[in-house]
Structure formats: structure tokens, C-alpha cells
């Protein structure tokens, strides 16, 4: 089971920063998960929240303005990939307007990195699968009635690059996981908190956990 650090390891440093990614690498995780949005000056910045603590949307601020407001550096996707090439990157595209900028960066780095692009916007996943040579995944926060109904709704025309399911821990279903595996998907899970939850993911045979607590997964 792969251990993927959710937004890096951010116990003593801010999440989604180069320092958090460095801490994850030092801990020996298999991968890093990060979130991409677009700043006012058109940069693919790594930040999770749509609206920062000041009440200002990320999209209304330049990168420097975001950094001044949050009080720490905010890296771009390009900077992170330039610095860390030895781990799997699980890159979540948060918004439709981030797609073109993210695609340009990934075209540059896809040959030298292991990458899974994921999104709750499943149309973006289909677009990335067609435009890029990277693996792609469907982020899933609900329990579909059947796996077939989920795939029918997605309608990816069988693109083999769409080969990951990224499930919310709260909606885990052993039957759906097994069906997805049979259909050729790798199953990732995000959101386990306790050691028993990490152990349960391992018992279910999931391929990777995206976790804020990588030591619990490594020691499972």
C-alpha cells in the first residue's frame, strides 16, 4: 500500500509548501498529494482553500499577495515538480480555470515524473487523459449506487489513462473496491485518521492512502 502525504507533511510547517514536501520525502513516503488553483496573475499555485483566511478568493489575488496574506511562501506546481522528482505526485486540479496552466506544466514534466492527476470535476479528468501522458483518477466523495452507474455517468470512452479511483474514506465499500480493481482501476483512499482506519485500508487491499498521518500508514 502506497503512503501518500496529504499536502506534504505539515506538522510544524505550512501545508502545500516546499518545506512540507521536503519533510514528506525525508519521512520516506511513496508520494505527495497537492492541490492546484490559479492566482490572479495566472500561476498554478499550490493551495487548497478557494478562499483564504482573510476572506479573499485565491483567484482575486496574485501569488505575492497570497503569500503576504497567508504569511508563508506559496509554490507553483512547476517549482514543486522541479525540486521533487523521486516521488509519486497526486495532483488535484481544483477548478476548471486551472486546467490549461496545469496542462502546460505537466507536458513539461510528465516524462520525468510519476503523476496521477485527479479531480472532483470528472470532465477535467477526461480532458487530461486525452491531452497528457499521465495517469488520471476520479475523486469520489459519494457512494455510487453501482460502479457501472459511476462509469456510465463519467463516459470516458474507455481511455486507459483513466485508471485510478480516489475514494473518500467515509464512503468505502469493499464490493465497489473489488469491482474497480477487476475493471483495472487502482484504488486510492483519502481521509483515514486513526491507526485502525489505516489498517482497515490495508486489509481492504487498497493501492494507496492519501493521509495527514503517514507514520500510521507506514507502521500499519
C-alpha atoms as a PDB file:
ATOM      1  CA  UNK A   1       0.000   0.000   0.000  1.00  0.00           C
ATOM      2  CA  UNK A   2       1.490   3.321  -1.096  1.00  0.00           C
ATOM      3  CA  UNK A   3       1.710   6.061   1.523  1.00  0.00           C
ATOM      4  CA  UNK A   4       0.927   9.470   0.022  1.00  0.00           C
ATOM      5  CA  UNK A   5       1.414  12.529   2.217  1.00  0.00           C
ATOM      6  CA  UNK A   6      -1.676  14.752   2.041  1.00  0.00           C
ATOM      7  CA  UNK A   7      -0.377  18.253   1.188  1.00  0.00           C
ATOM      8  CA  UNK A   8       3.056  17.104   2.319  1.00  0.00           C
ATOM      9  CA  UNK A   9       3.956  16.570   5.966  1.00  0.00           C
ATOM     10  CA  UNK A  10       2.764  19.709   7.736  1.00  0.00           C
ATOM     11  CA  UNK A  11       3.126  19.076  11.468  1.00  0.00           C
ATOM     12  CA  UNK A  12       5.493  22.022  12.017  1.00  0.00           C
ATOM     13  CA  UNK A  13       5.469  23.740   8.610  1.00  0.00           C
ATOM     14  CA  UNK A  14       2.555  25.016   6.476  1.00  0.00           C
ATOM     15  CA  UNK A  15       0.825  22.556   4.169  1.00  0.00           C
ATOM     16  CA  UNK A  16       1.427  22.552   0.408  1.00  0.00           C
ATOM     17  CA  UNK A  17       4.819  24.232   0.772  1.00  0.00           C
ATOM     18  CA  UNK A  18       8.222  23.104  -0.402  1.00  0.00           C
ATOM     19  CA  UNK A  19       9.145  22.611   3.255  1.00  0.00           C
ATOM     20  CA  UNK A  20       6.151  20.278   3.734  1.00  0.00           C
ATOM     21  CA  UNK A  21       7.135  18.320   0.638  1.00  0.00           C
ATOM     22  CA  UNK A  22      10.746  18.101   1.835  1.00  0.00           C
ATOM     23  CA  UNK A  23       9.509  16.772   5.176  1.00  0.00           C
ATOM     24  CA  UNK A  24       7.470  14.131   3.364  1.00  0.00           C
ATOM     25  CA  UNK A  25      10.456  12.992   1.333  1.00  0.00           C
ATOM     26  CA  UNK A  26      12.590  12.854   4.474  1.00  0.00           C
ATOM     27  CA  UNK A  27       9.965  10.660   6.116  1.00  0.00           C
ATOM     28  CA  UNK A  28      10.219   8.183   3.250  1.00  0.00           C
ATOM     29  CA  UNK A  29       6.684   8.385   1.879  1.00  0.00           C
ATOM     30  CA  UNK A  30       5.904   6.993  -1.558  1.00  0.00           C
ATOM     31  CA  UNK A  31       4.108  10.064  -2.799  1.00  0.00           C
ATOM     32  CA  UNK A  32       2.806  13.564  -2.196  1.00  0.00           C
ATOM     33  CA  UNK A  33      -0.699  14.915  -2.752  1.00  0.00           C
ATOM     34  CA  UNK A  34      -1.169  18.588  -3.564  1.00  0.00           C
ATOM     35  CA  UNK A  35      -3.876  20.996  -4.760  1.00  0.00           C
ATOM     36  CA  UNK A  36      -3.651  23.404  -7.692  1.00  0.00           C
ATOM     37  CA  UNK A  37      -5.508  26.681  -8.151  1.00  0.00           C
ATOM     38  CA  UNK A  38      -4.884  29.682 -10.387  1.00  0.00           C
ATOM     39  CA  UNK A  39      -3.819  33.033  -8.968  1.00  0.00           C
ATOM     40  CA  UNK A  40      -4.839  36.374 -10.433  1.00  0.00           C
ATOM     41  CA  UNK A  41      -1.521  36.554 -12.291  1.00  0.00           C
ATOM     42  CA  UNK A  42      -2.198  33.203 -13.954  1.00  0.00           C
ATOM     43  CA  UNK A  43       0.116  30.970 -11.944  1.00  0.00           C
ATOM     44  CA  UNK A  44      -0.766  27.381 -10.930  1.00  0.00           C
ATOM     45  CA  UNK A  45      -0.278  27.845  -7.188  1.00  0.00           C
ATOM     46  CA  UNK A  46      -0.392  25.035  -4.665  1.00  0.00           C
ATOM     47  CA  UNK A  47      -3.095  25.964  -2.194  1.00  0.00           C
ATOM     48  CA  UNK A  48      -6.148  24.066  -1.021  1.00  0.00           C
ATOM     49  CA  UNK A  49      -8.758  26.599   0.021  1.00  0.00           C
ATOM     50  CA  UNK A  50     -10.747  28.594  -2.531  1.00  0.00           C
ATOM     51  CA  UNK A  51     -10.970  31.475  -0.052  1.00  0.00           C
ATOM     52  CA  UNK A  52      -8.079  32.156   2.332  1.00  0.00           C
ATOM     53  CA  UNK A  53      -8.407  33.199   5.968  1.00  0.00           C
ATOM     54  CA  UNK A  54      -8.612  36.899   5.087  1.00  0.00           C
ATOM     55  CA  UNK A  55     -11.858  36.208   3.223  1.00  0.00           C
ATOM     56  CA  UNK A  56     -10.261  36.841  -0.177  1.00  0.00           C
ATOM     57  CA  UNK A  57     -10.567  34.321  -3.019  1.00  0.00           C
ATOM     58  CA  UNK A  58      -7.289  32.921  -4.327  1.00  0.00           C
ATOM     59  CA  UNK A  59      -8.423  33.798  -7.856  1.00  0.00           C
ATOM     60  CA  UNK A  60      -8.589  37.503  -6.929  1.00  0.00           C
ATOM     61  CA  UNK A  61      -5.005  37.707  -5.650  1.00  0.00           C
ATOM     62  CA  UNK A  62      -1.573  37.497  -7.236  1.00  0.00           C
ATOM     63  CA  UNK A  63       0.818  34.921  -5.922  1.00  0.00           C
ATOM     64  CA  UNK A  64       2.744  37.541  -3.969  1.00  0.00           C
ATOM     65  CA  UNK A  65      -0.454  38.906  -2.462  1.00  0.00           C
ATOM     66  CA  UNK A  66      -1.446  35.399  -1.388  1.00  0.00           C
ATOM     67  CA  UNK A  67       1.951  34.878   0.232  1.00  0.00           C
ATOM     68  CA  UNK A  68       1.776  38.214   2.028  1.00  0.00           C
ATOM     69  CA  UNK A  69      -1.665  37.331   3.367  1.00  0.00           C
ATOM     70  CA  UNK A  70      -1.023  33.745   4.483  1.00  0.00           C
ATOM     71  CA  UNK A  71       2.437  34.558   5.815  1.00  0.00           C
ATOM     72  CA  UNK A  72       4.464  31.913   4.012  1.00  0.00           C
ATOM     73  CA  UNK A  73       5.692  31.014   0.550  1.00  0.00           C
ATOM     74  CA  UNK A  74       3.193  29.513  -1.863  1.00  0.00           C
ATOM     75  CA  UNK A  75       4.953  27.424  -4.512  1.00  0.00           C
ATOM     76  CA  UNK A  76       3.832  26.870  -8.061  1.00  0.00           C
ATOM     77  CA  UNK A  77       3.282  23.411  -9.487  1.00  0.00           C
ATOM     78  CA  UNK A  78       6.307  23.873 -11.724  1.00  0.00           C
ATOM     79  CA  UNK A  79       8.562  24.704  -8.764  1.00  0.00           C
ATOM     80  CA  UNK A  80       7.430  21.659  -6.807  1.00  0.00           C
ATOM     81  CA  UNK A  81       7.933  19.266  -9.693  1.00  0.00           C
ATOM     82  CA  UNK A  82      11.323  20.791 -10.486  1.00  0.00           C
ATOM     83  CA  UNK A  83      12.517  20.134  -6.940  1.00  0.00           C
ATOM     84  CA  UNK A  84      10.998  16.710  -6.215  1.00  0.00           C
ATOM     85  CA  UNK A  85      11.199  14.120  -8.966  1.00  0.00           C
ATOM     86  CA  UNK A  86      11.677  10.926  -6.996  1.00  0.00           C
ATOM     87  CA  UNK A  87       8.155  10.515  -5.609  1.00  0.00           C
ATOM     88  CA  UNK A  88       4.704   9.882  -6.990  1.00  0.00           C
ATOM     89  CA  UNK A  89       2.725  13.122  -7.366  1.00  0.00           C
ATOM     90  CA  UNK A  90      -1.039  13.019  -6.852  1.00  0.00           C
ATOM     91  CA  UNK A  91      -2.126  16.394  -8.245  1.00  0.00           C
ATOM     92  CA  UNK A  92      -5.677  17.546  -7.612  1.00  0.00           C
ATOM     93  CA  UNK A  93      -6.981  20.163 -10.023  1.00  0.00           C
ATOM     94  CA  UNK A  94      -9.434  22.207  -8.001  1.00  0.00           C
ATOM     95  CA  UNK A  95     -11.059  24.352 -10.698  1.00  0.00           C
ATOM     96  CA  UNK A  96     -11.784  24.363 -14.401  1.00  0.00           C
ATOM     97  CA  UNK A  97      -9.813  27.557 -14.961  1.00  0.00           C
ATOM     98  CA  UNK A  98      -6.656  25.811 -13.725  1.00  0.00           C
ATOM     99  CA  UNK A  99      -6.692  23.212 -16.490  1.00  0.00           C
ATOM    100  CA  UNK A 100      -4.741  24.979 -19.247  1.00  0.00           C
ATOM    101  CA  UNK A 101      -1.953  26.162 -16.938  1.00  0.00           C
ATOM    102  CA  UNK A 102      -1.652  22.772 -15.253  1.00  0.00           C
ATOM    103  CA  UNK A 103      -1.576  21.016 -18.611  1.00  0.00           C
ATOM    104  CA  UNK A 104       1.322  23.171 -19.799  1.00  0.00           C
ATOM    105  CA  UNK A 105       3.329  22.391 -16.668  1.00  0.00           C
ATOM    106  CA  UNK A 106       2.607  18.669 -16.841  1.00  0.00           C
ATOM    107  CA  UNK A 107       3.561  18.494 -20.508  1.00  0.00           C
ATOM    108  CA  UNK A 108       6.975  19.752 -19.421  1.00  0.00           C
ATOM    109  CA  UNK A 109       7.408  17.301 -16.546  1.00  0.00           C
ATOM    110  CA  UNK A 110       5.429  14.192 -17.471  1.00  0.00           C
ATOM    111  CA  UNK A 111       8.384  12.286 -18.909  1.00  0.00           C
ATOM    112  CA  UNK A 112      10.440  12.579 -15.721  1.00  0.00           C
ATOM    113  CA  UNK A 113       7.801  12.087 -13.041  1.00  0.00           C
ATOM    114  CA  UNK A 114       5.243   9.586 -11.826  1.00  0.00           C
ATOM    115  CA  UNK A 115       1.999  11.532 -11.817  1.00  0.00           C
ATOM    116  CA  UNK A 116      -1.670  10.894 -11.074  1.00  0.00           C
ATOM    117  CA  UNK A 117      -3.945  13.814 -11.929  1.00  0.00           C
ATOM    118  CA  UNK A 118      -7.244  13.754 -10.059  1.00  0.00           C
ATOM    119  CA  UNK A 119     -10.292  15.973  -9.713  1.00  0.00           C
ATOM    120  CA  UNK A 120     -13.838  16.033  -8.460  1.00  0.00           C
ATOM    121  CA  UNK A 121     -14.564  17.692 -11.832  1.00  0.00           C
ATOM    122  CA  UNK A 122     -14.613  14.491 -13.817  1.00  0.00           C
ATOM    123  CA  UNK A 123     -14.752  16.263 -17.178  1.00  0.00           C
ATOM    124  CA  UNK A 124     -11.308  17.697 -16.362  1.00  0.00           C
ATOM    125  CA  UNK A 125     -10.039  14.180 -15.732  1.00  0.00           C
ATOM    126  CA  UNK A 126     -11.215  13.086 -19.181  1.00  0.00           C
ATOM    127  CA  UNK A 127      -9.547  16.104 -20.787  1.00  0.00           C
ATOM    128  CA  UNK A 128      -6.241  15.435 -19.027  1.00  0.00           C
ATOM    129  CA  UNK A 129      -6.354  11.778 -20.010  1.00  0.00           C
ATOM    130  CA  UNK A 130      -6.699  12.765 -23.661  1.00  0.00           C
ATOM    131  CA  UNK A 131      -4.130  15.577 -23.629  1.00  0.00           C
ATOM    132  CA  UNK A 132      -1.376  14.195 -21.394  1.00  0.00           C
ATOM    133  CA  UNK A 133       0.707  11.068 -20.922  1.00  0.00           C
ATOM    134  CA  UNK A 134      -0.043  10.724 -17.216  1.00  0.00           C
ATOM    135  CA  UNK A 135      -2.313   8.541 -15.134  1.00  0.00           C
ATOM    136  CA  UNK A 136      -5.631  10.080 -14.136  1.00  0.00           C
ATOM    137  CA  UNK A 137      -8.101   9.437 -11.352  1.00  0.00           C
ATOM    138  CA  UNK A 138     -11.692  10.157 -10.401  1.00  0.00           C
ATOM    139  CA  UNK A 139     -12.093  11.746  -6.980  1.00  0.00           C
ATOM    140  CA  UNK A 140     -15.223  10.302  -5.386  1.00  0.00           C
ATOM    141  CA  UNK A 141     -16.904  11.751  -2.300  1.00  0.00           C
ATOM    142  CA  UNK A 142     -20.168   9.811  -2.589  1.00  0.00           C
ATOM    143  CA  UNK A 143     -21.016   6.142  -2.709  1.00  0.00           C
ATOM    144  CA  UNK A 144     -22.353   5.396  -6.200  1.00  0.00           C
ATOM    145  CA  UNK A 145     -25.264   3.006  -6.493  1.00  0.00           C
ATOM    146  CA  UNK A 146     -23.073   0.760  -8.632  1.00  0.00           C
ATOM    147  CA  UNK A 147     -19.638   1.092 -10.197  1.00  0.00           C
ATOM    148  CA  UNK A 148     -21.310   0.851 -13.591  1.00  0.00           C
ATOM    149  CA  UNK A 149     -23.509   3.854 -12.883  1.00  0.00           C
ATOM    150  CA  UNK A 150     -20.437   5.896 -11.961  1.00  0.00           C
ATOM    151  CA  UNK A 151     -18.582   4.910 -15.122  1.00  0.00           C
ATOM    152  CA  UNK A 152     -21.635   5.452 -17.320  1.00  0.00           C
ATOM    153  CA  UNK A 153     -22.009   8.953 -15.922  1.00  0.00           C
ATOM    154  CA  UNK A 154     -18.302   9.663 -16.469  1.00  0.00           C
ATOM    155  CA  UNK A 155     -18.348   8.370 -20.065  1.00  0.00           C
ATOM    156  CA  UNK A 156     -14.589   8.404 -20.596  1.00  0.00           C
ATOM    157  CA  UNK A 157     -14.797   6.208 -23.716  1.00  0.00           C
ATOM    158  CA  UNK A 158     -12.517   3.638 -22.135  1.00  0.00           C
ATOM    159  CA  UNK A 159      -9.418   5.852 -22.060  1.00  0.00           C
ATOM    160  CA  UNK A 160      -6.771   3.624 -20.418  1.00  0.00           C
ATOM    161  CA  UNK A 161      -5.132   6.613 -18.733  1.00  0.00           C
ATOM    162  CA  UNK A 162      -8.180   6.995 -16.503  1.00  0.00           C
ATOM    163  CA  UNK A 163      -7.057   4.178 -14.245  1.00  0.00           C
ATOM    164  CA  UNK A 164      -7.427   5.365 -10.631  1.00  0.00           C
ATOM    165  CA  UNK A 165     -10.360   5.739  -8.268  1.00  0.00           C
ATOM    166  CA  UNK A 166      -9.703   8.066  -5.328  1.00  0.00           C
ATOM    167  CA  UNK A 167     -12.304   7.343  -2.653  1.00  0.00           C
ATOM    168  CA  UNK A 168     -13.313   9.299   0.447  1.00  0.00           C
ATOM    169  CA  UNK A 169     -12.739   7.067   3.476  1.00  0.00           C
ATOM    170  CA  UNK A 170     -16.301   7.749   4.626  1.00  0.00           C
ATOM    171  CA  UNK A 171     -17.805   6.030   1.569  1.00  0.00           C
ATOM    172  CA  UNK A 172     -15.532   2.994   1.362  1.00  0.00           C
ATOM    173  CA  UNK A 173     -17.339  -0.081   0.107  1.00  0.00           C
ATOM    174  CA  UNK A 174     -15.493  -3.377  -0.197  1.00  0.00           C
ATOM    175  CA  UNK A 175     -17.654  -4.578  -3.081  1.00  0.00           C
ATOM    176  CA  UNK A 176     -17.070  -1.407  -5.109  1.00  0.00           C
ATOM    177  CA  UNK A 177     -13.337  -1.564  -4.417  1.00  0.00           C
ATOM    178  CA  UNK A 178     -13.176  -5.138  -5.682  1.00  0.00           C
ATOM    179  CA  UNK A 179     -15.226  -4.295  -8.763  1.00  0.00           C
ATOM    180  CA  UNK A 180     -12.999  -1.323  -9.537  1.00  0.00           C
ATOM    181  CA  UNK A 181      -9.894  -3.498  -9.197  1.00  0.00           C
ATOM    182  CA  UNK A 182     -11.390  -6.105 -11.535  1.00  0.00           C
ATOM    183  CA  UNK A 183     -12.081  -3.324 -14.064  1.00  0.00           C
ATOM    184  CA  UNK A 184      -8.390  -2.386 -13.962  1.00  0.00           C
ATOM    185  CA  UNK A 185      -8.521   0.622 -11.642  1.00  0.00           C
ATOM    186  CA  UNK A 186      -6.087   1.272  -8.813  1.00  0.00           C
ATOM    187  CA  UNK A 187      -7.893   2.288  -5.623  1.00  0.00           C
ATOM    188  CA  UNK A 188      -6.601   5.187  -3.541  1.00  0.00           C
ATOM    189  CA  UNK A 189      -8.328   6.348  -0.343  1.00  0.00           C
ATOM    190  CA  UNK A 190      -8.127   9.771   1.261  1.00  0.00           C
ATOM    191  CA  UNK A 191      -9.048  10.749   4.790  1.00  0.00           C
ATOM    192  CA  UNK A 192      -8.100   7.917   7.185  1.00  0.00           C
ATOM    193  CA  UNK A 193      -7.227   9.360  10.593  1.00  0.00           C
ATOM    194  CA  UNK A 194      -6.621   6.650  13.187  1.00  0.00           C
ATOM    195  CA  UNK A 195      -4.233   3.713  13.024  1.00  0.00           C
ATOM    196  CA  UNK A 196      -7.190   1.332  12.855  1.00  0.00           C
ATOM    197  CA  UNK A 197      -8.531   3.211   9.830  1.00  0.00           C
ATOM    198  CA  UNK A 198      -5.169   2.945   8.087  1.00  0.00           C
ATOM    199  CA  UNK A 199      -5.045  -0.746   8.981  1.00  0.00           C
ATOM    200  CA  UNK A 200      -8.539  -1.198   7.553  1.00  0.00           C
ATOM    201  CA  UNK A 201      -7.434   0.327   4.251  1.00  0.00           C
ATOM    202  CA  UNK A 202      -4.584  -2.147   4.122  1.00  0.00           C
ATOM    203  CA  UNK A 203      -6.935  -5.045   4.937  1.00  0.00           C
ATOM    204  CA  UNK A 204      -9.194  -3.984   2.069  1.00  0.00           C
ATOM    205  CA  UNK A 205      -6.231  -4.158  -0.282  1.00  0.00           C
ATOM    206  CA  UNK A 206      -6.298  -0.544  -1.403  1.00  0.00           C
ATOM    207  CA  UNK A 207      -3.349   0.525  -3.509  1.00  0.00           C
ATOM    208  CA  UNK A 208      -2.618   3.770  -1.691  1.00  0.00           C
ATOM    209  CA  UNK A 209      -3.711   6.026   1.162  1.00  0.00           C
ATOM    210  CA  UNK A 210      -3.618   9.818   0.994  1.00  0.00           C
ATOM    211  CA  UNK A 211      -3.064  10.739   4.604  1.00  0.00           C
ATOM    212  CA  UNK A 212      -2.214  13.512   7.047  1.00  0.00           C
ATOM    213  CA  UNK A 213      -0.706  10.801   9.274  1.00  0.00           C
ATOM    214  CA  UNK A 214       1.829   8.907   7.130  1.00  0.00           C
ATOM    215  CA  UNK A 215       3.558   7.309  10.114  1.00  0.00           C
ATOM    216  CA  UNK A 216       0.306   5.493  10.989  1.00  0.00           C
ATOM    217  CA  UNK A 217       0.194   4.052   7.487  1.00  0.00           C
ATOM    218  CA  UNK A 218       3.865   3.150   7.418  1.00  0.00           C
ATOM    219  CA  UNK A 219       3.514   1.353  10.746  1.00  0.00           C
ATOM    220  CA  UNK A 220       0.276  -0.424   9.835  1.00  0.00           C
END
